[in-house]
Amino acid sequence: MVYKSDHIKKYAIHGIDVSHHQGAIEWDNIEHPDSTKQIDFVFIRAVVGTEKDKRFKENWTGATKSQIKKGAYHYYWSNVNSTKQAAIFTSQVVLNKGDLPPVLDIEDMSNVQNKASLRKGLKNWIAIIEDHYGVKPIIYSGEAFYRDILKPDSYFEEYPRVWIANYNRVNAPRISWDFWQYSDRFPVHGIKTLVDGNVFQGSQHDFEALLVP
């Protein structure tokens, strides 16, 4: 199993991400399958485009009680107005001291806009969210999408908080990253379905520096 591999185990900080697809989660029983590790953080889906995740508030409350560091993510619809999407997110998510920054999850393009238009919308969402919460969001994307669609713009080339998905058997993503989603088949005690496994690149101090002050 990939989470037992040396290239994953070497990271000190491990986490997951969840949505309503996981069903009811036993937050009091969450455990890493490797007894030498723990689940340090969870990103919880809050919004899909303009639709609120059906289990967000339940998961947010459960994660809070479990004391796992938590953050909320927005699955971006590239064919819907970015200001409207940001408004739905801010109406759904209240951040407190010690929470992780909001996440913008962008995975595909629509056929109604070009790359420049997509990037403009993403920048607008980020600006609105940063202004509202006072923290810079994290950008989540697949490695190839980020490299080919976003990185040609210097804004994204230099973006300081990046979460990259790459499930291939690589030692690490081949572009700059802070979080790495290395698997979508990670077994966690307390969750009936397999989930996404993630690691954070950096020290405990680096991780804590990300949290909402």
C-alpha atoms as a PDB file:
ATOM      1  CA  MET A   1       0.000   0.000   0.000  1.00  0.00           C
ATOM      2  CA  VAL A   2       1.384   3.354  -1.027  1.00  0.00           C
ATOM      3  CA  TYR A   3       1.018   4.984   2.408  1.00  0.00           C
ATOM      4  CA  LYS A   4       3.517   2.421   3.718  1.00  0.00           C
ATOM      5  CA  SER A   5       6.119   3.369   1.123  1.00  0.00           C
ATOM      6  CA  ASP A   6       9.240   5.162   2.297  1.00  0.00           C
ATOM      7  CA  HIS A   7       8.595   8.129  -0.017  1.00  0.00           C
ATOM      8  CA  ILE A   8       5.292   8.759   1.823  1.00  0.00           C
ATOM      9  CA  LYS A   9       6.248   7.700   5.345  1.00  0.00           C
ATOM     10  CA  LYS A  10       9.140  10.181   5.418  1.00  0.00           C
ATOM     11  CA  TYR A  11       6.654  13.065   5.731  1.00  0.00           C
ATOM     12  CA  ALA A  12       5.720  13.914   9.299  1.00  0.00           C
ATOM     13  CA  ILE A  13       2.319  15.507   8.643  1.00  0.00           C
ATOM     14  CA  HIS A  14      -0.461  13.451   7.056  1.00  0.00           C
ATOM     15  CA  GLY A  15      -4.074  14.239   6.219  1.00  0.00           C
ATOM     16  CA  ILE A  16      -7.197  13.474   4.217  1.00  0.00           C
ATOM     17  CA  ASP A  17      -9.940  15.267   2.351  1.00  0.00           C
ATOM     18  CA  VAL A  18     -13.639  14.386   2.439  1.00  0.00           C
ATOM     19  CA  SER A  19     -17.041  15.324   1.033  1.00  0.00           C
ATOM     20  CA  HIS A  20     -20.588  14.025   1.304  1.00  0.00           C
ATOM     21  CA  HIS A  21     -19.471  11.047  -0.799  1.00  0.00           C
ATOM     22  CA  GLN A  22     -17.915   9.573   2.366  1.00  0.00           C
ATOM     23  CA  GLY A  23     -21.297   9.395   4.078  1.00  0.00           C
ATOM     24  CA  ALA A  24     -21.484   9.612   7.861  1.00  0.00           C
ATOM     25  CA  ILE A  25     -17.965   9.807   9.305  1.00  0.00           C
ATOM     26  CA  GLU A  26     -17.112   8.553  12.808  1.00  0.00           C
ATOM     27  CA  TRP A  27     -14.985  11.546  13.691  1.00  0.00           C
ATOM     28  CA  ASP A  28     -14.207  10.242  17.194  1.00  0.00           C
ATOM     29  CA  ASN A  29     -12.669   7.104  15.686  1.00  0.00           C
ATOM     30  CA  ILE A  30     -10.493   8.585  12.926  1.00  0.00           C
ATOM     31  CA  GLU A  31      -7.118   6.845  12.852  1.00  0.00           C
ATOM     32  CA  HIS A  32      -4.291   6.548  10.356  1.00  0.00           C
ATOM     33  CA  PRO A  33      -3.884   2.915   9.199  1.00  0.00           C
ATOM     34  CA  ASP A  34      -0.160   3.161  10.001  1.00  0.00           C
ATOM     35  CA  SER A  35       0.161   3.086  13.802  1.00  0.00           C
ATOM     36  CA  THR A  36       3.301   5.249  13.590  1.00  0.00           C
ATOM     37  CA  LYS A  37       1.326   8.113  11.978  1.00  0.00           C
ATOM     38  CA  GLN A  38      -1.787  10.117  12.705  1.00  0.00           C
ATOM     39  CA  ILE A  39      -4.337  12.109  10.735  1.00  0.00           C
ATOM     40  CA  ASP A  40      -3.128  15.653  11.363  1.00  0.00           C
ATOM     41  CA  PHE A  41      -5.455  17.550   9.033  1.00  0.00           C
ATOM     42  CA  VAL A  42      -8.579  17.271   6.915  1.00  0.00           C
ATOM     43  CA  PHE A  43      -9.867  19.380   4.051  1.00  0.00           C
ATOM     44  CA  ILE A  44     -13.676  19.275   3.886  1.00  0.00           C
ATOM     45  CA  ARG A  45     -15.642  20.120   0.751  1.00  0.00           C
ATOM     46  CA  ALA A  46     -17.920  23.084   1.373  1.00  0.00           C
ATOM     47  CA  VAL A  47     -19.196  23.982  -2.096  1.00  0.00           C
ATOM     48  CA  VAL A  48     -19.377  22.498  -5.573  1.00  0.00           C
ATOM     49  CA  GLY A  49     -19.725  25.442  -7.942  1.00  0.00           C
ATOM     50  CA  THR A  50     -22.854  27.054  -6.498  1.00  0.00           C
ATOM     51  CA  GLU A  51     -24.134  24.008  -4.596  1.00  0.00           C
ATOM     52  CA  LYS A  52     -23.395  23.511  -0.920  1.00  0.00           C
ATOM     53  CA  ASP A  53     -22.020  20.114   0.081  1.00  0.00           C
ATOM     54  CA  LYS A  54     -24.795  18.241   1.895  1.00  0.00           C
ATOM     55  CA  ARG A  55     -22.598  17.065   4.758  1.00  0.00           C
ATOM     56  CA  PHE A  56     -20.298  20.065   5.145  1.00  0.00           C
ATOM     57  CA  LYS A  57     -21.685  21.408   8.402  1.00  0.00           C
ATOM     58  CA  GLU A  58     -21.881  17.913   9.908  1.00  0.00           C
ATOM     59  CA  ASN A  59     -18.276  17.203   8.896  1.00  0.00           C
ATOM     60  CA  TRP A  60     -17.055  20.638   9.992  1.00  0.00           C
ATOM     61  CA  THR A  61     -18.572  20.156  13.450  1.00  0.00           C
ATOM     62  CA  GLY A  62     -17.211  16.607  13.704  1.00  0.00           C
ATOM     63  CA  ALA A  63     -13.696  17.629  12.704  1.00  0.00           C
ATOM     64  CA  THR A  64     -13.794  20.512  15.196  1.00  0.00           C
ATOM     65  CA  LYS A  65     -14.732  18.175  18.044  1.00  0.00           C
ATOM     66  CA  SER A  66     -12.030  15.680  17.025  1.00  0.00           C
ATOM     67  CA  GLN A  67      -9.428  18.489  17.147  1.00  0.00           C
ATOM     68  CA  ILE A  68      -8.021  17.490  13.744  1.00  0.00           C
ATOM     69  CA  LYS A  69      -6.839  20.648  11.985  1.00  0.00           C
ATOM     70  CA  LYS A  70      -9.471  21.419   9.368  1.00  0.00           C
ATOM     71  CA  GLY A  71      -9.912  23.498   6.232  1.00  0.00           C
ATOM     72  CA  ALA A  72     -12.728  23.983   3.712  1.00  0.00           C
ATOM     73  CA  TYR A  73     -12.450  23.586  -0.047  1.00  0.00           C
ATOM     74  CA  HIS A  74     -14.426  24.878  -3.006  1.00  0.00           C
ATOM     75  CA  TYR A  75     -14.746  22.758  -6.146  1.00  0.00           C
ATOM     76  CA  TYR A  76     -14.666  25.393  -8.880  1.00  0.00           C
ATOM     77  CA  TRP A  77     -17.001  25.317 -11.862  1.00  0.00           C
ATOM     78  CA  SER A  78     -15.168  26.980 -14.734  1.00  0.00           C
ATOM     79  CA  ASN A  79     -18.388  27.850 -16.597  1.00  0.00           C
ATOM     80  CA  VAL A  80     -19.977  29.776 -13.685  1.00  0.00           C
ATOM     81  CA  ASN A  81     -19.293  33.355 -12.559  1.00  0.00           C
ATOM     82  CA  SER A  82     -16.421  33.370 -10.043  1.00  0.00           C
ATOM     83  CA  THR A  83     -17.893  36.171  -7.900  1.00  0.00           C
ATOM     84  CA  LYS A  84     -21.112  34.206  -7.489  1.00  0.00           C
ATOM     85  CA  GLN A  85     -19.138  31.104  -6.515  1.00  0.00           C
ATOM     86  CA  ALA A  86     -17.095  33.027  -3.950  1.00  0.00           C
ATOM     87  CA  ALA A  87     -20.287  34.412  -2.393  1.00  0.00           C
ATOM     88  CA  ILE A  88     -21.666  30.902  -1.875  1.00  0.00           C
ATOM     89  CA  PHE A  89     -18.410  29.817  -0.229  1.00  0.00           C
ATOM     90  CA  THR A  90     -18.289  32.750   2.196  1.00  0.00           C
ATOM     91  CA  SER A  91     -21.927  32.169   3.141  1.00  0.00           C
ATOM     92  CA  GLN A  92     -21.124  28.543   3.959  1.00  0.00           C
ATOM     93  CA  VAL A  93     -17.742  28.736   5.700  1.00  0.00           C
ATOM     94  CA  VAL A  94     -16.795  30.505   8.920  1.00  0.00           C
ATOM     95  CA  LEU A  95     -13.094  30.242   9.767  1.00  0.00           C
ATOM     96  CA  ASN A  96     -11.693  30.473  13.277  1.00  0.00           C
ATOM     97  CA  LYS A  97      -8.221  30.764  14.736  1.00  0.00           C
ATOM     98  CA  GLY A  98      -6.259  27.577  14.060  1.00  0.00           C
ATOM     99  CA  ASP A  99      -8.168  26.560  10.932  1.00  0.00           C
ATOM    100  CA  LEU A 100      -6.420  25.940   7.617  1.00  0.00           C
ATOM    101  CA  PRO A 101      -6.783  28.470   4.789  1.00  0.00           C
ATOM    102  CA  PRO A 102      -9.607  28.042   2.254  1.00  0.00           C
ATOM    103  CA  VAL A 103      -8.847  25.888  -0.793  1.00  0.00           C
ATOM    104  CA  LEU A 104      -9.696  26.551  -4.442  1.00  0.00           C
ATOM    105  CA  ASP A 105     -10.049  23.197  -6.216  1.00  0.00           C
ATOM    106  CA  ILE A 106      -9.675  23.613  -9.987  1.00  0.00           C
ATOM    107  CA  GLU A 107      -9.502  20.482 -12.124  1.00  0.00           C
ATOM    108  CA  ASP A 108     -10.893  21.233 -15.572  1.00  0.00           C
ATOM    109  CA  MET A 109     -11.825  23.849 -18.142  1.00  0.00           C
ATOM    110  CA  SER A 110     -15.207  24.529 -19.666  1.00  0.00           C
ATOM    111  CA  ASN A 111     -15.699  24.787 -23.418  1.00  0.00           C
ATOM    112  CA  VAL A 112     -17.073  28.320 -23.098  1.00  0.00           C
ATOM    113  CA  GLN A 113     -13.847  30.125 -22.219  1.00  0.00           C
ATOM    114  CA  ASN A 114     -10.142  30.148 -22.989  1.00  0.00           C
ATOM    115  CA  LYS A 115      -7.239  29.654 -20.589  1.00  0.00           C
ATOM    116  CA  ALA A 116      -6.771  33.368 -19.964  1.00  0.00           C
ATOM    117  CA  SER A 117     -10.446  33.768 -19.061  1.00  0.00           C
ATOM    118  CA  LEU A 118     -10.284  30.804 -16.696  1.00  0.00           C
ATOM    119  CA  ARG A 119      -7.216  32.208 -14.953  1.00  0.00           C
ATOM    120  CA  LYS A 120      -8.903  35.613 -14.618  1.00  0.00           C
ATOM    121  CA  GLY A 121     -11.877  34.017 -12.877  1.00  0.00           C
ATOM    122  CA  LEU A 122      -9.639  32.041 -10.537  1.00  0.00           C
ATOM    123  CA  LYS A 123      -7.708  35.171  -9.591  1.00  0.00           C
ATOM    124  CA  ASN A 124     -10.991  36.952  -8.868  1.00  0.00           C
ATOM    125  CA  TRP A 125     -12.196  34.122  -6.594  1.00  0.00           C
ATOM    126  CA  ILE A 126      -8.878  34.130  -4.746  1.00  0.00           C
ATOM    127  CA  ALA A 127      -8.956  37.924  -4.285  1.00  0.00           C
ATOM    128  CA  ILE A 128     -12.500  37.869  -2.887  1.00  0.00           C
ATOM    129  CA  ILE A 129     -11.728  35.011  -0.505  1.00  0.00           C
ATOM    130  CA  GLU A 130      -8.452  36.532   0.674  1.00  0.00           C
ATOM    131  CA  ASP A 131     -10.162  39.856   1.318  1.00  0.00           C
ATOM    132  CA  HIS A 132     -13.025  38.193   3.209  1.00  0.00           C
ATOM    133  CA  TYR A 133     -10.954  35.905   5.474  1.00  0.00           C
ATOM    134  CA  GLY A 134      -7.677  37.802   5.605  1.00  0.00           C
ATOM    135  CA  VAL A 135      -5.645  34.743   4.584  1.00  0.00           C
ATOM    136  CA  LYS A 136      -4.262  33.611   1.236  1.00  0.00           C
ATOM    137  CA  PRO A 137      -6.092  30.530  -0.105  1.00  0.00           C
ATOM    138  CA  ILE A 138      -4.449  27.286  -1.177  1.00  0.00           C
ATOM    139  CA  ILE A 139      -4.819  26.183  -4.813  1.00  0.00           C
ATOM    140  CA  TYR A 140      -5.526  22.499  -5.465  1.00  0.00           C
ATOM    141  CA  SER A 141      -5.111  20.920  -8.895  1.00  0.00           C
ATOM    142  CA  GLY A 142      -3.715  17.934 -10.727  1.00  0.00           C
ATOM    143  CA  GLU A 143      -0.031  18.224 -11.550  1.00  0.00           C
ATOM    144  CA  ALA A 144      -0.491  18.287 -15.340  1.00  0.00           C
ATOM    145  CA  PHE A 145      -3.365  20.790 -15.163  1.00  0.00           C
ATOM    146  CA  TYR A 146      -1.431  23.138 -12.910  1.00  0.00           C
ATOM    147  CA  ARG A 147       1.689  22.862 -15.062  1.00  0.00           C
ATOM    148  CA  ASP A 148      -0.012  23.274 -18.450  1.00  0.00           C
ATOM    149  CA  ILE A 149      -2.978  25.561 -17.731  1.00  0.00           C
ATOM    150  CA  LEU A 150      -2.005  27.686 -14.731  1.00  0.00           C
ATOM    151  CA  LYS A 151       1.791  27.947 -14.557  1.00  0.00           C
ATOM    152  CA  PRO A 152       2.160  29.798 -17.907  1.00  0.00           C
ATOM    153  CA  ASP A 153       0.755  32.787 -15.986  1.00  0.00           C
ATOM    154  CA  SER A 154       3.408  34.231 -13.643  1.00  0.00           C
ATOM    155  CA  TYR A 155       0.744  34.729 -10.939  1.00  0.00           C
ATOM    156  CA  PHE A 156       0.334  30.957 -10.629  1.00  0.00           C
ATOM    157  CA  GLU A 157       3.985  30.208 -11.367  1.00  0.00           C
ATOM    158  CA  GLU A 158       4.872  32.121  -8.202  1.00  0.00           C
ATOM    159  CA  TYR A 159       1.811  31.238  -6.098  1.00  0.00           C
ATOM    160  CA  PRO A 160       2.992  30.371  -2.569  1.00  0.00           C
ATOM    161  CA  ARG A 161       0.401  27.798  -1.449  1.00  0.00           C
ATOM    162  CA  VAL A 162      -0.147  24.839  -3.750  1.00  0.00           C
ATOM    163  CA  TRP A 163      -1.736  21.411  -3.225  1.00  0.00           C
ATOM    164  CA  ILE A 164      -0.955  18.996  -6.050  1.00  0.00           C
ATOM    165  CA  ALA A 165      -2.617  15.689  -6.942  1.00  0.00           C
ATOM    166  CA  ASN A 166      -0.430  13.008  -8.491  1.00  0.00           C
ATOM    167  CA  TYR A 167      -1.339   9.353  -7.940  1.00  0.00           C
ATOM    168  CA  ASN A 168       1.455   7.979 -10.107  1.00  0.00           C
ATOM    169  CA  ARG A 169       4.282   6.163  -8.381  1.00  0.00           C
ATOM    170  CA  VAL A 170       6.579   9.166  -8.232  1.00  0.00           C
ATOM    171  CA  ASN A 171       8.826  10.178  -5.365  1.00  0.00           C
ATOM    172  CA  ALA A 172       7.071  13.550  -5.294  1.00  0.00           C
ATOM    173  CA  PRO A 173       5.277  15.945  -7.665  1.00  0.00           C
ATOM    174  CA  ARG A 174       7.641  17.489 -10.185  1.00  0.00           C
ATOM    175  CA  ILE A 175       6.442  21.042  -9.643  1.00  0.00           C
ATOM    176  CA  SER A 176       6.567  23.166  -6.509  1.00  0.00           C
ATOM    177  CA  TRP A 177       4.077  22.027  -3.846  1.00  0.00           C
ATOM    178  CA  ASP A 178       3.102  22.352  -0.201  1.00  0.00           C
ATOM    179  CA  PHE A 179       0.515  19.570   0.007  1.00  0.00           C
ATOM    180  CA  TRP A 180       0.569  16.401  -2.081  1.00  0.00           C
ATOM    181  CA  GLN A 181      -2.489  14.222  -2.685  1.00  0.00           C
ATOM    182  CA  TYR A 182      -0.742  10.958  -3.449  1.00  0.00           C
ATOM    183  CA  SER A 183      -3.681   8.526  -3.509  1.00  0.00           C
ATOM    184  CA  ASP A 184      -7.454   8.326  -3.829  1.00  0.00           C
ATOM    185  CA  ARG A 185      -7.538   4.851  -2.254  1.00  0.00           C
ATOM    186  CA  PHE A 186      -6.472   5.514   1.319  1.00  0.00           C
ATOM    187  CA  PRO A 187      -8.160   3.426   4.065  1.00  0.00           C
ATOM    188  CA  VAL A 188      -8.930   5.333   7.275  1.00  0.00           C
ATOM    189  CA  HIS A 189     -10.486   3.943  10.430  1.00  0.00           C
ATOM    190  CA  GLY A 190     -13.814   5.680  11.037  1.00  0.00           C
ATOM    191  CA  ILE A 191     -14.619   6.234   7.342  1.00  0.00           C
ATOM    192  CA  LYS A 192     -16.537   3.588   5.387  1.00  0.00           C
ATOM    193  CA  THR A 193     -15.155   4.542   1.971  1.00  0.00           C
ATOM    194  CA  LEU A 194     -11.595   4.896   0.757  1.00  0.00           C
ATOM    195  CA  VAL A 195     -10.464   8.535   0.806  1.00  0.00           C
ATOM    196  CA  ASP A 196      -7.716  10.755  -0.598  1.00  0.00           C
ATOM    197  CA  GLY A 197      -4.389  10.508   1.198  1.00  0.00           C
ATOM    198  CA  ASN A 198      -2.272  13.646   1.567  1.00  0.00           C
ATOM    199  CA  VAL A 199       0.998  14.787   3.056  1.00  0.00           C
ATOM    200  CA  PHE A 200       2.372  18.210   3.906  1.00  0.00           C
ATOM    201  CA  GLN A 201       5.890  19.111   2.841  1.00  0.00           C
ATOM    202  CA  GLY A 202       7.476  20.959   5.689  1.00  0.00           C
ATOM    203  CA  SER A 203       7.959  20.983   9.440  1.00  0.00           C
ATOM    204  CA  GLN A 204       5.363  21.279  12.184  1.00  0.00           C
ATOM    205  CA  HIS A 205       6.393  24.920  12.471  1.00  0.00           C
ATOM    206  CA  ASP A 206       5.774  25.450   8.740  1.00  0.00           C
ATOM    207  CA  PHE A 207       2.359  23.817   9.054  1.00  0.00           C
ATOM    208  CA  GLU A 208       1.342  25.920  12.016  1.00  0.00           C
ATOM    209  CA  ALA A 209       2.443  29.059  10.171  1.00  0.00           C
ATOM    210  CA  LEU A 210      -0.285  28.333   7.601  1.00  0.00           C
ATOM    211  CA  LEU A 211      -3.091  28.343  10.131  1.00  0.00           C
ATOM    212  CA  VAL A 212      -5.523  31.229  10.547  1.00  0.00           C
ATOM    213  CA  PRO A 213      -4.054  33.555  13.204  1.00  0.00           C
END
